[in-house]
Amino acid sequence: MSEMTGQAWLFMLGVWAFVAVCTGYCFWKLLTSPRRFGDAEEDNAPTSSSSDSAEKRS
């Protein structure tokens, strides 16, 4: 079995560090967001079809 070269180790650790930083950044943005997730009043799902809403506007 061949061993990894120093450049391979450096590249692998650099990629792992990049992925870890990106993941940490996304978790930080999500967990420090002022927006509350899961509230029923913030559910923006349409309750009627788009044709019904078009009729109400006219």
C-alpha atoms as a PDB file:
ATOM      1  CA  MET A   1       0.000   0.000   0.000  1.00  0.00           C
ATOM      2  CA  SER A   2       1.440   3.370  -0.980  1.00  0.00           C
ATOM      3  CA  GLU A   3       1.501   6.300   1.389  1.00  0.00           C
ATOM      4  CA  MET A   4       0.112   9.737   0.662  1.00  0.00           C
ATOM      5  CA  THR A   5       2.551  12.477  -0.228  1.00  0.00           C
ATOM      6  CA  GLY A   6       2.789  15.702   1.739  1.00  0.00           C
ATOM      7  CA  GLN A   7       0.981  17.570  -1.015  1.00  0.00           C
ATOM      8  CA  ALA A   8      -1.890  15.079  -0.913  1.00  0.00           C
ATOM      9  CA  TRP A   9      -2.233  15.504   2.865  1.00  0.00           C
ATOM     10  CA  LEU A  10      -2.162  19.283   2.502  1.00  0.00           C
ATOM     11  CA  PHE A  11      -4.795  19.209  -0.226  1.00  0.00           C
ATOM     12  CA  MET A  12      -7.041  16.824   1.716  1.00  0.00           C
ATOM     13  CA  LEU A  13      -6.825  18.851   4.928  1.00  0.00           C
ATOM     14  CA  GLY A  14      -7.456  22.071   2.995  1.00  0.00           C
ATOM     15  CA  VAL A  15     -10.593  20.653   1.409  1.00  0.00           C
ATOM     16  CA  TRP A  16     -11.831  19.319   4.750  1.00  0.00           C
ATOM     17  CA  ALA A  17     -11.214  22.719   6.335  1.00  0.00           C
ATOM     18  CA  PHE A  18     -13.097  24.453   3.512  1.00  0.00           C
ATOM     19  CA  VAL A  19     -16.095  22.124   3.865  1.00  0.00           C
ATOM     20  CA  ALA A  20     -16.082  22.517   7.671  1.00  0.00           C
ATOM     21  CA  VAL A  21     -15.978  26.330   7.401  1.00  0.00           C
ATOM     22  CA  CYS A  22     -18.817  26.395   4.850  1.00  0.00           C
ATOM     23  CA  THR A  23     -20.921  24.057   7.003  1.00  0.00           C
ATOM     24  CA  GLY A  24     -20.225  26.104  10.133  1.00  0.00           C
ATOM     25  CA  TYR A  25     -21.108  29.319   8.328  1.00  0.00           C
ATOM     26  CA  CYS A  26     -24.444  27.905   7.146  1.00  0.00           C
ATOM     27  CA  PHE A  27     -25.320  26.613  10.620  1.00  0.00           C
ATOM     28  CA  TRP A  28     -24.339  29.967  12.151  1.00  0.00           C
ATOM     29  CA  LYS A  29     -26.517  31.878   9.665  1.00  0.00           C
ATOM     30  CA  LEU A  30     -29.456  29.547  10.316  1.00  0.00           C
ATOM     31  CA  LEU A  31     -29.199  29.503  14.105  1.00  0.00           C
ATOM     32  CA  THR A  32     -28.619  33.258  14.521  1.00  0.00           C
ATOM     33  CA  SER A  33     -31.378  34.279  12.113  1.00  0.00           C
ATOM     34  CA  PRO A  34     -34.012  36.561  13.670  1.00  0.00           C
ATOM     35  CA  ARG A  35     -36.685  34.731  11.689  1.00  0.00           C
ATOM     36  CA  ARG A  36     -38.694  32.144  13.611  1.00  0.00           C
ATOM     37  CA  PHE A  37     -39.198  28.866  11.811  1.00  0.00           C
ATOM     38  CA  GLY A  38     -42.216  26.637  12.294  1.00  0.00           C
ATOM     39  CA  ASP A  39     -44.760  29.247  13.367  1.00  0.00           C
ATOM     40  CA  ALA A  40     -48.203  28.561  11.930  1.00  0.00           C
ATOM     41  CA  GLU A  41     -48.849  32.249  11.224  1.00  0.00           C
ATOM     42  CA  GLU A  42     -45.757  32.483   8.999  1.00  0.00           C
ATOM     43  CA  ASP A  43     -46.875  29.613   6.806  1.00  0.00           C
ATOM     44  CA  ASN A  44     -47.154  31.177   3.353  1.00  0.00           C
ATOM     45  CA  ALA A  45     -48.567  28.102   1.644  1.00  0.00           C
ATOM     46  CA  PRO A  46     -51.484  29.041  -0.594  1.00  0.00           C
ATOM     47  CA  THR A  47     -54.813  27.740   0.629  1.00  0.00           C
ATOM     48  CA  SER A  48     -56.589  28.069  -2.714  1.00  0.00           C
ATOM     49  CA  SER A  49     -55.634  27.436  -6.304  1.00  0.00           C
ATOM     50  CA  SER A  50     -54.158  30.194  -8.429  1.00  0.00           C
ATOM     51  CA  SER A  51     -57.322  30.435 -10.547  1.00  0.00           C
ATOM     52  CA  ASP A  52     -59.365  31.218  -7.402  1.00  0.00           C
ATOM     53  CA  SER A  53     -57.004  34.048  -6.446  1.00  0.00           C
ATOM     54  CA  ALA A  54     -57.147  35.441  -9.981  1.00  0.00           C
ATOM     55  CA  GLU A  55     -60.946  35.557  -9.776  1.00  0.00           C
ATOM     56  CA  LYS A  56     -60.836  37.390  -6.455  1.00  0.00           C
ATOM     57  CA  ARG A  57     -58.560  40.103  -7.879  1.00  0.00           C
ATOM     58  CA  SER A  58     -60.857  40.936 -10.820  1.00  0.00           C
END
